[in-house]
Amino acid sequence: QVQLVESGGGLVQAGGSLRLSCVASGRFFPNYSMGWFRQAPGKEREFVAAIMRMGGNVYYQDSVAGRFTISRNNAGNTVYLQMNSLQPDDTGSYYCAADRFYSGGYPMDPRNMDYWGKGTLVTVSS
């Protein structure tokens, strides 16, 4: 069993930055590829970024590529999402999730994720 806890959300002005963290419990964290998803009010949950088990392969949604950076520290059971140049359209609840069988190079499918965190809210004001 893997439990995921996100932190780092908050209110920021457009153009600002935030760094989200997701800490995983359990000793199997390196076995999972990790992803970040987000959900705006009234919209479906969407893929944001993914990182493979050893951290060498990452993939981003087109709208965040060049602004967001996903990384992980397997020794600390943590995955991060550095978000720069934030825009109001980035507002939403951000969730981290774990997928044991993701093979990289394409958007993660939320239906395939094995574990989810409860999310952290990011609000970007204009």
Protein backbone atom coordinates (compact mmCIF):
# COMPACT_ATOMS: atom_id res chain seq x y z
CA GLN A 1 0.00 0.00 0.00
CA VAL A 2 1.27 3.46 -0.91
CA GLN A 3 -0.09 6.64 0.63
CA LEU A 4 0.56 9.98 -1.03
CA VAL A 5 0.39 13.39 0.62
CA GLU A 6 0.70 16.59 -1.38
CA SER A 7 1.73 20.02 -0.09
CA GLY A 8 2.88 23.39 -1.38
CA GLY A 9 -0.28 24.78 -2.91
CA GLY A 10 -1.48 28.30 -2.28
CA LEU A 11 -2.46 31.64 -3.75
CA VAL A 12 -0.05 33.28 -6.18
CA GLN A 13 -0.22 36.13 -8.67
CA ALA A 14 0.09 35.50 -12.38
CA GLY A 15 3.73 35.16 -13.34
CA GLY A 16 4.66 33.74 -9.96
CA SER A 17 5.99 30.35 -8.94
CA LEU A 18 5.09 27.51 -6.61
CA ARG A 19 6.73 24.21 -5.77
CA LEU A 20 4.51 21.26 -5.00
CA SER A 21 5.73 18.23 -3.07
CA CYS A 22 4.27 14.76 -2.75
CA VAL A 23 5.59 12.43 -0.07
CA ALA A 24 4.93 8.71 -0.37
CA SER A 25 4.74 6.27 2.49
CA GLY A 26 6.05 2.75 2.22
CA ARG A 27 9.26 1.30 0.83
CA PHE A 28 8.08 0.65 -2.73
CA PHE A 29 8.23 4.21 -4.03
CA PRO A 30 11.07 3.51 -6.53
CA ASN A 31 8.87 0.86 -8.17
CA TYR A 32 6.34 3.45 -9.34
CA SER A 33 6.35 6.06 -12.02
CA MET A 34 4.78 9.22 -10.65
CA GLY A 35 2.47 11.76 -12.16
CA TRP A 36 0.86 15.09 -11.42
CA PHE A 37 -2.71 15.80 -12.45
CA ARG A 38 -4.93 18.81 -11.92
CA GLN A 39 -8.63 19.52 -11.84
CA ALA A 40 -10.22 22.92 -12.26
CA PRO A 41 -13.74 23.58 -10.95
CA GLY A 42 -16.31 22.07 -13.29
CA LYS A 43 -13.70 20.33 -15.43
CA GLU A 44 -12.32 16.82 -15.70
CA ARG A 45 -9.06 15.83 -14.12
CA GLU A 46 -6.20 16.27 -16.58
CA PHE A 47 -2.65 15.03 -16.87
CA VAL A 48 0.12 17.55 -16.15
CA ALA A 49 3.47 15.75 -15.92
CA ALA A 50 5.02 12.32 -15.46
CA ILE A 51 8.36 10.96 -14.34
CA MET A 52 9.66 7.42 -14.66
CA ARG A 53 10.82 5.26 -11.75
CA MET A 54 14.47 6.30 -11.79
CA GLY A 55 13.72 9.89 -12.82
CA GLY A 56 15.51 9.88 -16.15
CA ASN A 57 12.47 10.17 -18.41
CA VAL A 58 9.82 12.89 -18.05
CA TYR A 59 6.77 13.92 -20.06
CA TYR A 60 4.61 17.05 -19.94
CA GLN A 61 1.26 18.25 -21.11
CA ASP A 62 1.87 20.76 -23.91
CA SER A 63 0.41 23.70 -21.99
CA VAL A 64 2.92 23.37 -19.13
CA ALA A 65 6.04 22.30 -21.06
CA GLY A 66 8.80 24.85 -20.53
CA ARG A 67 7.12 26.27 -17.39
CA PHE A 68 6.76 23.25 -15.10
CA THR A 69 9.46 20.78 -14.03
CA ILE A 70 8.80 17.40 -12.45
CA SER A 71 11.52 15.71 -10.42
CA ARG A 72 11.84 13.04 -7.76
CA ASN A 73 14.04 12.01 -4.87
CA ASN A 74 13.71 8.27 -4.39
CA ALA A 75 15.79 8.30 -1.21
CA GLY A 76 13.26 10.71 0.29
CA ASN A 77 10.17 9.12 -1.27
CA THR A 78 9.23 12.49 -2.74
CA VAL A 79 8.15 13.82 -6.12
CA TYR A 80 8.12 17.54 -6.90
CA LEU A 81 6.44 19.86 -9.36
CA GLN A 82 8.17 23.21 -9.82
CA MET A 83 5.71 25.59 -11.45
CA ASN A 84 6.95 28.86 -12.96
CA SER A 85 5.22 31.60 -14.94
CA LEU A 86 1.90 30.57 -13.48
CA GLN A 87 -1.26 31.72 -15.22
CA PRO A 88 -4.91 31.86 -14.10
CA ASP A 89 -5.63 28.81 -16.29
CA ASP A 90 -3.28 26.82 -14.02
CA THR A 91 -5.74 27.20 -11.13
CA GLY A 92 -7.07 23.95 -9.72
CA SER A 93 -6.49 21.14 -7.31
CA TYR A 94 -3.24 19.32 -8.02
CA TYR A 95 -2.93 15.61 -7.33
CA CYS A 96 0.02 13.28 -7.39
CA ALA A 97 -0.49 9.68 -8.38
CA ALA A 98 1.51 6.47 -8.76
CA ASP A 99 1.52 4.05 -11.68
CA ARG A 100 3.52 0.85 -11.57
CA PHE A 101 3.24 0.03 -15.28
CA TYR A 102 3.68 3.37 -17.04
CA SER A 103 6.26 2.98 -19.81
CA GLY A 104 6.92 6.64 -20.58
CA GLY A 105 6.66 9.02 -23.50
CA TYR A 106 2.92 9.71 -23.41
CA PRO A 107 0.33 11.27 -21.08
CA MET A 108 -0.60 9.20 -18.07
CA ASP A 109 -4.20 7.98 -18.05
CA PRO A 110 -5.91 8.72 -14.70
CA ARG A 111 -7.81 5.42 -15.04
CA ASN A 112 -4.53 3.51 -14.86
CA MET A 113 -3.16 5.07 -11.70
CA ASP A 114 -2.72 2.77 -8.72
CA TYR A 115 -2.67 5.36 -5.92
CA TRP A 116 -3.77 8.97 -5.49
CA GLY A 117 -3.15 11.74 -3.03
CA LYS A 118 -5.93 13.98 -1.78
CA GLY A 119 -4.67 17.03 -3.60
CA THR A 120 -3.42 20.53 -2.90
CA LEU A 121 -5.14 23.68 -4.15
CA VAL A 122 -3.36 26.14 -6.42
CA THR A 123 -5.00 29.49 -7.11
CA VAL A 124 -3.47 31.92 -9.58
CA SER A 125 -4.88 35.44 -9.56
CA SER A 126 -4.74 37.75 -12.55
